[in-house]
Amino acid sequence: MFSTIATTSAQHCALATERSVTDGEQPILGMLISIRNRLAALKKDRGNYYRPNDIVGLYNELLDQVKVLNRVRAKEQHDNDTYKNRVDSVLDECFQLFSLFYLALGKNKEIPATYVQLVTIK
């Protein structure tokens, strides 16, 4: 009985802090999940080396989605740093994967490579 109450209150807290995805953000979420899935497939493929052009191309796709997300959130007036929903969670996962890929490619001095290190410190 106590575990049920604890689980229910934990779920309630999670729902209270993470908001639902708006209609304007739905296509962005779909693209971010697609990018994340392609990165995960590259990570699992142990038979081939990572091609820098593939990683950089996916990173540029991610940056395009971030620009679109910024425009959507500006229209919806979600400019504050406390707004968080599933889009932010998937975006964080993508940035972490890109960071690890950049480190694996030896691009340690480039901005994407520093993300995992900064998140770990935070």
Protein backbone atom coordinates (compact mmCIF):
# COMPACT_ATOMS: atom_id res chain seq x y z
CA MET A 1 0.00 0.00 0.00
CA PHE A 2 2.78 2.45 0.88
CA SER A 3 4.64 1.72 -2.35
CA THR A 4 1.48 2.51 -4.32
CA ILE A 5 1.11 5.85 -2.55
CA ALA A 6 4.80 6.67 -3.07
CA THR A 7 4.61 5.74 -6.74
CA THR A 8 1.47 7.78 -7.26
CA SER A 9 2.93 10.86 -5.57
CA ALA A 10 6.18 10.48 -7.53
CA GLN A 11 4.20 10.31 -10.78
CA HIS A 12 2.18 13.34 -9.71
CA CYS A 13 5.37 15.33 -9.03
CA ALA A 14 6.81 14.32 -12.39
CA LEU A 15 3.65 15.43 -14.15
CA ALA A 16 3.61 18.69 -12.27
CA THR A 17 7.13 19.62 -13.33
CA GLU A 18 7.00 18.40 -16.95
CA ARG A 19 4.36 19.95 -19.16
CA SER A 20 2.62 18.38 -22.14
CA VAL A 21 3.90 18.95 -25.67
CA THR A 22 1.96 21.64 -27.52
CA ASP A 23 0.61 21.22 -31.03
CA GLY A 24 3.31 23.53 -32.39
CA GLU A 25 6.04 21.39 -30.84
CA GLN A 26 4.69 18.00 -31.99
CA PRO A 27 6.47 18.01 -35.40
CA ILE A 28 9.68 19.13 -33.71
CA LEU A 29 9.40 16.28 -31.22
CA GLY A 30 8.95 13.83 -34.10
CA MET A 31 12.10 15.13 -35.82
CA LEU A 32 14.10 15.03 -32.59
CA ILE A 33 13.05 11.44 -31.94
CA SER A 34 14.06 10.57 -35.52
CA ILE A 35 17.50 12.16 -35.02
CA ARG A 36 17.93 10.41 -31.68
CA ASN A 37 17.00 7.05 -33.21
CA ARG A 38 19.48 7.53 -36.06
CA LEU A 39 22.20 8.40 -33.55
CA ALA A 40 21.34 5.34 -31.48
CA ALA A 41 21.56 3.17 -34.61
CA LEU A 42 24.99 4.62 -35.42
CA LYS A 43 26.11 3.98 -31.85
CA LYS A 44 25.00 0.34 -31.99
CA ASP A 45 26.71 -0.31 -35.33
CA ARG A 46 30.02 -1.72 -34.12
CA GLY A 47 31.00 -2.96 -37.59
CA ASN A 48 31.68 0.48 -39.07
CA TYR A 49 33.53 3.59 -38.03
CA TYR A 50 31.62 6.81 -37.51
CA ARG A 51 31.83 9.07 -40.53
CA PRO A 52 32.29 12.69 -39.48
CA ASN A 53 30.07 13.89 -42.34
CA ASP A 54 27.16 11.78 -41.05
CA ILE A 55 27.52 13.11 -37.52
CA VAL A 56 27.93 16.75 -38.60
CA GLY A 57 24.95 16.43 -40.96
CA LEU A 58 22.74 15.12 -38.17
CA TYR A 59 24.03 17.85 -35.87
CA ASN A 60 23.05 20.49 -38.42
CA GLU A 61 19.57 18.93 -38.61
CA LEU A 62 19.35 19.18 -34.82
CA LEU A 63 20.38 22.84 -34.89
CA ASP A 64 17.66 23.55 -37.46
CA GLN A 65 15.08 21.97 -35.15
CA VAL A 66 16.37 24.03 -32.21
CA LYS A 67 15.86 27.21 -34.26
CA VAL A 68 12.31 26.15 -35.12
CA LEU A 69 11.67 25.29 -31.45
CA ASN A 70 12.89 28.72 -30.36
CA ARG A 71 10.49 30.40 -32.82
CA VAL A 72 7.56 28.23 -31.67
CA ARG A 73 8.25 28.88 -28.01
CA ALA A 74 8.61 32.61 -28.61
CA LYS A 75 5.15 32.61 -30.24
CA GLU A 76 3.72 30.57 -27.38
CA GLN A 77 5.52 32.79 -24.87
CA HIS A 78 7.57 30.03 -23.24
CA ASP A 79 10.74 32.08 -22.96
CA ASN A 80 11.55 31.30 -19.34
CA ASP A 81 14.14 28.68 -18.41
CA THR A 82 11.78 26.76 -16.15
CA TYR A 83 9.50 25.56 -18.98
CA LYS A 84 10.19 21.87 -19.61
CA ASN A 85 8.41 19.11 -21.49
CA ARG A 86 9.28 15.93 -23.40
CA VAL A 87 10.84 17.96 -26.22
CA ASP A 88 13.46 19.21 -23.77
CA SER A 89 14.18 15.69 -22.52
CA VAL A 90 14.67 14.29 -26.04
CA LEU A 91 16.73 17.34 -27.00
CA ASP A 92 18.99 16.75 -24.00
CA GLU A 93 19.44 13.09 -25.00
CA CYS A 94 20.37 14.17 -28.54
CA PHE A 95 22.93 16.69 -27.32
CA GLN A 96 24.47 14.10 -25.01
CA LEU A 97 24.78 11.60 -27.86
CA PHE A 98 26.28 14.23 -30.16
CA SER A 99 28.74 15.18 -27.47
CA LEU A 100 29.90 11.59 -27.14
CA PHE A 101 30.17 11.20 -30.92
CA TYR A 102 32.26 14.36 -31.20
CA LEU A 103 34.56 13.07 -28.46
CA ALA A 104 34.83 9.70 -30.23
CA LEU A 105 35.75 11.49 -33.47
CA GLY A 106 38.51 13.40 -31.69
CA LYS A 107 36.77 16.76 -32.04
CA ASN A 108 37.33 17.56 -28.37
CA LYS A 109 37.73 21.32 -28.88
CA GLU A 110 34.41 21.80 -30.66
CA ILE A 111 31.32 23.02 -28.84
CA PRO A 112 29.20 19.83 -29.09
CA ALA A 113 31.95 17.82 -27.39
CA THR A 114 31.78 19.94 -24.24
CA TYR A 115 28.06 19.34 -23.56
CA VAL A 116 28.43 16.07 -21.62
CA GLN A 117 31.20 17.54 -19.52
CA LEU A 118 29.15 20.63 -18.64
CA VAL A 119 26.01 18.64 -17.85
CA THR A 120 28.03 16.32 -15.62
CA ILE A 121 29.43 19.27 -13.68
CA LYS A 122 26.01 20.89 -13.36
